[in-house]
Amino acid sequence: QVQLVESGGGLVQAGGSLRLSCAASDRTFSSYAMGWFRQAPGKEREFIATISWSGGITSYADSVKGRFTISRDNSENTVYLQMNVLKSEDTAVYYCAAKRRKTYYYSAYGPPDYGMDYWGKGTLVTVSS
């Protein structure tokens, strides 16, 4: 059982940046595809970004493409989400999740679990306008 712990959330002004981190408890992390998801108040959880086990393949939701960057450091068992040019509509609880596969094809899945095997508890990002 892999445990995932997100950090880095907080309050930021519109146009600002934040970097989220997700630390995994197990070295098996390096063989898993990882994803970031978010859930805004009153809305369904949505896919944000995914990265393959080696970091060689990344995909993004259209809503964050060009503003957010997912990356990973397998030596540190950590995946990151760099968020730039934040907008008020980015306000949400952000979750990282792991898929026990090397690559994750997000379009094949849907809410609530998007086919992911492990989830963190989330970190809140609030963007003030």
Foldseek 3Di string as FASTA:
>chain_A
DKAKAKDWADEAAAQAKTKMKIAIDDLLLLAWKKFKWWDAPPGAIGGAKIAFSPRPDMDGDPVQPPFWDWGDDSVRRMIMIIGGRHDQVVWTWMKMFIANHRDQDQVVADDDPSRTDYIYPTDTHGYHD
